[in-house]
N, C-alpha and C. Protein backbone atom coordinates (compact mmCIF):
# COMPACT_ATOMS: atom_id res chain seq x y z
N MET A 1 34.86 -19.63 -13.16
CA MET A 1 33.48 -19.51 -12.71
C MET A 1 33.29 -20.48 -11.53
N THR A 2 32.68 -19.97 -10.46
CA THR A 2 32.43 -20.82 -9.31
C THR A 2 31.25 -21.75 -9.59
N GLU A 3 31.13 -22.78 -8.77
CA GLU A 3 30.00 -23.71 -8.92
C GLU A 3 28.68 -22.95 -8.77
N PHE A 4 28.63 -22.04 -7.78
CA PHE A 4 27.41 -21.24 -7.58
C PHE A 4 27.07 -20.44 -8.84
N GLN A 5 28.06 -19.77 -9.41
CA GLN A 5 27.83 -18.97 -10.61
C GLN A 5 27.35 -19.83 -11.77
N ALA A 6 27.92 -21.02 -11.91
CA ALA A 6 27.51 -21.92 -12.99
C ALA A 6 26.06 -22.37 -12.81
N ILE A 7 25.70 -22.69 -11.56
CA ILE A 7 24.32 -23.11 -11.29
C ILE A 7 23.37 -21.96 -11.52
N LEU A 8 23.74 -20.77 -11.04
CA LEU A 8 22.89 -19.59 -11.24
C LEU A 8 22.71 -19.30 -12.72
N GLN A 9 23.78 -19.36 -13.48
CA GLN A 9 23.69 -19.11 -14.92
C GLN A 9 22.76 -20.13 -15.58
N ALA A 10 22.89 -21.39 -15.21
CA ALA A 10 22.03 -22.43 -15.78
C ALA A 10 20.57 -22.19 -15.37
N ALA A 11 20.36 -21.81 -14.11
CA ALA A 11 19.00 -21.58 -13.62
C ALA A 11 18.33 -20.43 -14.34
N THR A 12 19.09 -19.41 -14.71
CA THR A 12 18.48 -18.26 -15.39
C THR A 12 18.01 -18.62 -16.80
N GLN A 13 18.45 -19.77 -17.31
CA GLN A 13 18.02 -20.21 -18.63
C GLN A 13 16.70 -20.97 -18.58
N LEU A 14 16.24 -21.30 -17.37
CA LEU A 14 14.96 -22.00 -17.22
C LEU A 14 13.80 -21.08 -17.52
N SER A 15 12.66 -21.66 -17.79
CA SER A 15 11.45 -20.86 -17.98
C SER A 15 11.10 -20.19 -16.65
N VAL A 16 10.29 -19.17 -16.70
CA VAL A 16 9.88 -18.48 -15.48
C VAL A 16 9.20 -19.47 -14.53
N GLU A 17 8.33 -20.30 -15.05
CA GLU A 17 7.64 -21.27 -14.21
C GLU A 17 8.63 -22.21 -13.52
N ASP A 18 9.62 -22.69 -14.26
CA ASP A 18 10.61 -23.58 -13.66
C ASP A 18 11.50 -22.85 -12.67
N ARG A 19 11.84 -21.59 -12.93
CA ARG A 19 12.63 -20.81 -11.96
C ARG A 19 11.86 -20.64 -10.67
N LEU A 20 10.56 -20.37 -10.76
CA LEU A 20 9.75 -20.22 -9.55
C LEU A 20 9.62 -21.55 -8.82
N ARG A 21 9.49 -22.63 -9.55
CA ARG A 21 9.46 -23.96 -8.92
C ARG A 21 10.77 -24.23 -8.21
N LEU A 22 11.88 -23.85 -8.84
CA LEU A 22 13.20 -24.05 -8.24
C LEU A 22 13.33 -23.22 -6.96
N ILE A 23 12.87 -21.99 -6.99
CA ILE A 23 12.89 -21.15 -5.79
C ILE A 23 12.09 -21.80 -4.69
N ASP A 24 10.92 -22.28 -5.02
CA ASP A 24 10.05 -22.93 -4.04
C ASP A 24 10.74 -24.16 -3.44
N GLU A 25 11.33 -24.98 -4.29
CA GLU A 25 12.00 -26.20 -3.82
C GLU A 25 13.22 -25.86 -2.97
N LEU A 26 14.01 -24.88 -3.39
CA LEU A 26 15.19 -24.50 -2.62
C LEU A 26 14.80 -23.90 -1.27
N THR A 27 13.77 -23.07 -1.26
CA THR A 27 13.30 -22.47 -0.02
C THR A 27 12.89 -23.54 0.97
N ALA A 28 12.28 -24.59 0.50
CA ALA A 28 11.84 -25.67 1.37
C ALA A 28 13.01 -26.40 2.01
N THR A 29 14.21 -26.28 1.45
CA THR A 29 15.38 -26.98 2.00
C THR A 29 16.13 -26.16 3.05
N VAL A 30 15.77 -24.90 3.24
CA VAL A 30 16.45 -24.06 4.22
C VAL A 30 15.96 -24.43 5.62
N PRO A 31 16.87 -24.81 6.52
CA PRO A 31 16.44 -25.17 7.87
C PRO A 31 15.74 -24.01 8.57
N GLU A 32 14.71 -24.34 9.34
CA GLU A 32 13.94 -23.30 10.02
C GLU A 32 14.77 -22.49 10.99
N ASP A 33 15.85 -23.08 11.51
CA ASP A 33 16.69 -22.35 12.47
C ASP A 33 17.73 -21.47 11.78
N GLN A 34 17.64 -21.35 10.45
CA GLN A 34 18.55 -20.50 9.70
C GLN A 34 17.78 -19.58 8.75
N PRO A 35 16.93 -18.72 9.31
CA PRO A 35 16.15 -17.84 8.44
C PRO A 35 17.07 -16.83 7.75
N PRO A 36 16.64 -16.31 6.62
CA PRO A 36 17.48 -15.33 5.91
C PRO A 36 17.56 -14.03 6.69
N ALA A 37 18.65 -13.32 6.50
CA ALA A 37 18.81 -12.00 7.11
C ALA A 37 17.88 -11.02 6.38
N LEU A 38 17.17 -10.22 7.14
CA LEU A 38 16.24 -9.26 6.55
C LEU A 38 16.73 -7.84 6.80
N SER A 39 16.47 -6.97 5.84
CA SER A 39 16.84 -5.57 6.01
C SER A 39 15.96 -4.93 7.07
N SER A 40 16.39 -3.80 7.59
CA SER A 40 15.60 -3.10 8.61
C SER A 40 14.25 -2.67 8.03
N ALA A 41 14.20 -2.34 6.75
CA ALA A 41 12.92 -1.95 6.13
C ALA A 41 11.94 -3.11 6.14
N TRP A 42 12.43 -4.33 5.81
CA TRP A 42 11.56 -5.50 5.84
C TRP A 42 11.11 -5.81 7.26
N LEU A 43 12.01 -5.69 8.22
CA LEU A 43 11.65 -5.95 9.62
C LEU A 43 10.58 -4.97 10.10
N GLN A 44 10.70 -3.71 9.71
CA GLN A 44 9.69 -2.71 10.08
C GLN A 44 8.34 -3.05 9.46
N GLU A 45 8.36 -3.48 8.19
CA GLU A 45 7.11 -3.84 7.50
C GLU A 45 6.47 -5.05 8.16
N ILE A 46 7.28 -6.03 8.52
CA ILE A 46 6.76 -7.22 9.21
C ILE A 46 6.14 -6.82 10.54
N GLN A 47 6.80 -5.96 11.29
CA GLN A 47 6.27 -5.51 12.57
C GLN A 47 4.95 -4.76 12.38
N ARG A 48 4.90 -3.91 11.37
CA ARG A 48 3.68 -3.13 11.10
C ARG A 48 2.52 -4.07 10.77
N ARG A 49 2.77 -5.00 9.86
CA ARG A 49 1.71 -5.93 9.46
C ARG A 49 1.30 -6.86 10.60
N SER A 50 2.27 -7.30 11.37
CA SER A 50 1.96 -8.15 12.53
C SER A 50 1.07 -7.40 13.51
N ALA A 51 1.37 -6.14 13.74
CA ALA A 51 0.56 -5.33 14.66
C ALA A 51 -0.87 -5.21 14.14
N GLU A 52 -1.04 -5.06 12.83
CA GLU A 52 -2.38 -4.98 12.25
C GLU A 52 -3.15 -6.29 12.45
N VAL A 53 -2.48 -7.41 12.26
CA VAL A 53 -3.13 -8.71 12.45
C VAL A 53 -3.51 -8.90 13.91
N ILE A 54 -2.60 -8.58 14.81
CA ILE A 54 -2.87 -8.72 16.24
C ILE A 54 -4.03 -7.83 16.66
N ALA A 55 -4.08 -6.61 16.10
CA ALA A 55 -5.15 -5.67 16.43
C ALA A 55 -6.47 -6.06 15.79
N GLY A 56 -6.44 -6.98 14.84
CA GLY A 56 -7.66 -7.40 14.16
C GLY A 56 -8.09 -6.47 13.04
N THR A 57 -7.22 -5.55 12.64
CA THR A 57 -7.57 -4.63 11.56
C THR A 57 -7.19 -5.18 10.18
N GLU A 58 -6.49 -6.30 10.17
CA GLU A 58 -6.08 -6.90 8.90
C GLU A 58 -6.20 -8.42 9.03
N VAL A 59 -6.76 -9.03 8.00
CA VAL A 59 -6.87 -10.49 7.96
C VAL A 59 -5.97 -10.97 6.84
N GLY A 60 -5.14 -11.94 7.13
CA GLY A 60 -4.21 -12.44 6.13
C GLY A 60 -4.87 -13.37 5.12
N THR A 61 -4.10 -13.72 4.12
CA THR A 61 -4.54 -14.66 3.09
C THR A 61 -3.70 -15.92 3.25
N PRO A 62 -4.33 -17.08 3.27
CA PRO A 62 -3.57 -18.32 3.42
C PRO A 62 -2.53 -18.49 2.29
N TRP A 63 -1.34 -19.00 2.66
CA TRP A 63 -0.26 -19.17 1.69
C TRP A 63 -0.71 -19.98 0.48
N GLU A 64 -1.49 -21.02 0.69
CA GLU A 64 -1.94 -21.85 -0.42
C GLU A 64 -2.69 -21.02 -1.46
N GLU A 65 -3.51 -20.09 -0.99
CA GLU A 65 -4.27 -19.23 -1.90
C GLU A 65 -3.35 -18.27 -2.65
N VAL A 66 -2.42 -17.68 -1.93
CA VAL A 66 -1.48 -16.74 -2.56
C VAL A 66 -0.64 -17.47 -3.60
N ARG A 67 -0.13 -18.63 -3.21
CA ARG A 67 0.71 -19.42 -4.11
C ARG A 67 -0.05 -19.80 -5.38
N GLU A 68 -1.31 -20.23 -5.23
CA GLU A 68 -2.10 -20.59 -6.39
C GLU A 68 -2.35 -19.38 -7.29
N ARG A 69 -2.58 -18.23 -6.68
CA ARG A 69 -2.77 -17.01 -7.47
C ARG A 69 -1.52 -16.70 -8.28
N VAL A 70 -0.34 -16.79 -7.64
CA VAL A 70 0.92 -16.48 -8.32
C VAL A 70 1.17 -17.48 -9.43
N PHE A 71 1.13 -18.77 -9.09
CA PHE A 71 1.41 -19.78 -10.10
C PHE A 71 0.32 -19.85 -11.15
N GLY A 72 -0.93 -19.59 -10.77
CA GLY A 72 -2.02 -19.56 -11.73
C GLY A 72 -1.82 -18.44 -12.74
N THR A 73 -1.39 -17.28 -12.25
CA THR A 73 -1.11 -16.14 -13.14
C THR A 73 0.02 -16.48 -14.08
N LEU A 74 1.07 -17.14 -13.56
CA LEU A 74 2.20 -17.50 -14.41
C LEU A 74 1.79 -18.53 -15.46
N ARG A 75 0.98 -19.51 -15.05
CA ARG A 75 0.53 -20.52 -16.02
C ARG A 75 -0.29 -19.84 -17.12
N THR A 76 -1.13 -18.89 -16.73
CA THR A 76 -1.97 -18.19 -17.71
C THR A 76 -1.12 -17.36 -18.65
N SER A 77 -0.14 -16.62 -18.10
CA SER A 77 0.68 -15.75 -18.93
C SER A 77 1.65 -16.55 -19.81
N SER A 78 2.14 -17.70 -19.33
CA SER A 78 3.03 -18.50 -20.15
C SER A 78 2.29 -19.24 -21.25
N ALA A 79 0.98 -19.42 -21.10
CA ALA A 79 0.19 -20.09 -22.13
C ALA A 79 -0.09 -19.15 -23.31
N ASN A 80 0.03 -17.85 -23.06
CA ASN A 80 -0.24 -16.86 -24.14
C ASN A 80 0.93 -16.66 -25.03
């Protein structure tokens, strides 16, 4: 088993909340000059949404609000 596989296996044993925290922390460590490769479908969706924002037909939601909604939902569901 590779080191990556061992870490992944251990990470999958974490609670959902801890896995999401781990994703958030790991994402923060990726240098800005090394963005992930995106599929053509994702690139098309990004272009479509960007065009809507530029045209003023769509208003985005601040990341802090989205993040709180996601983590708030997880906290609520894990408490049940």
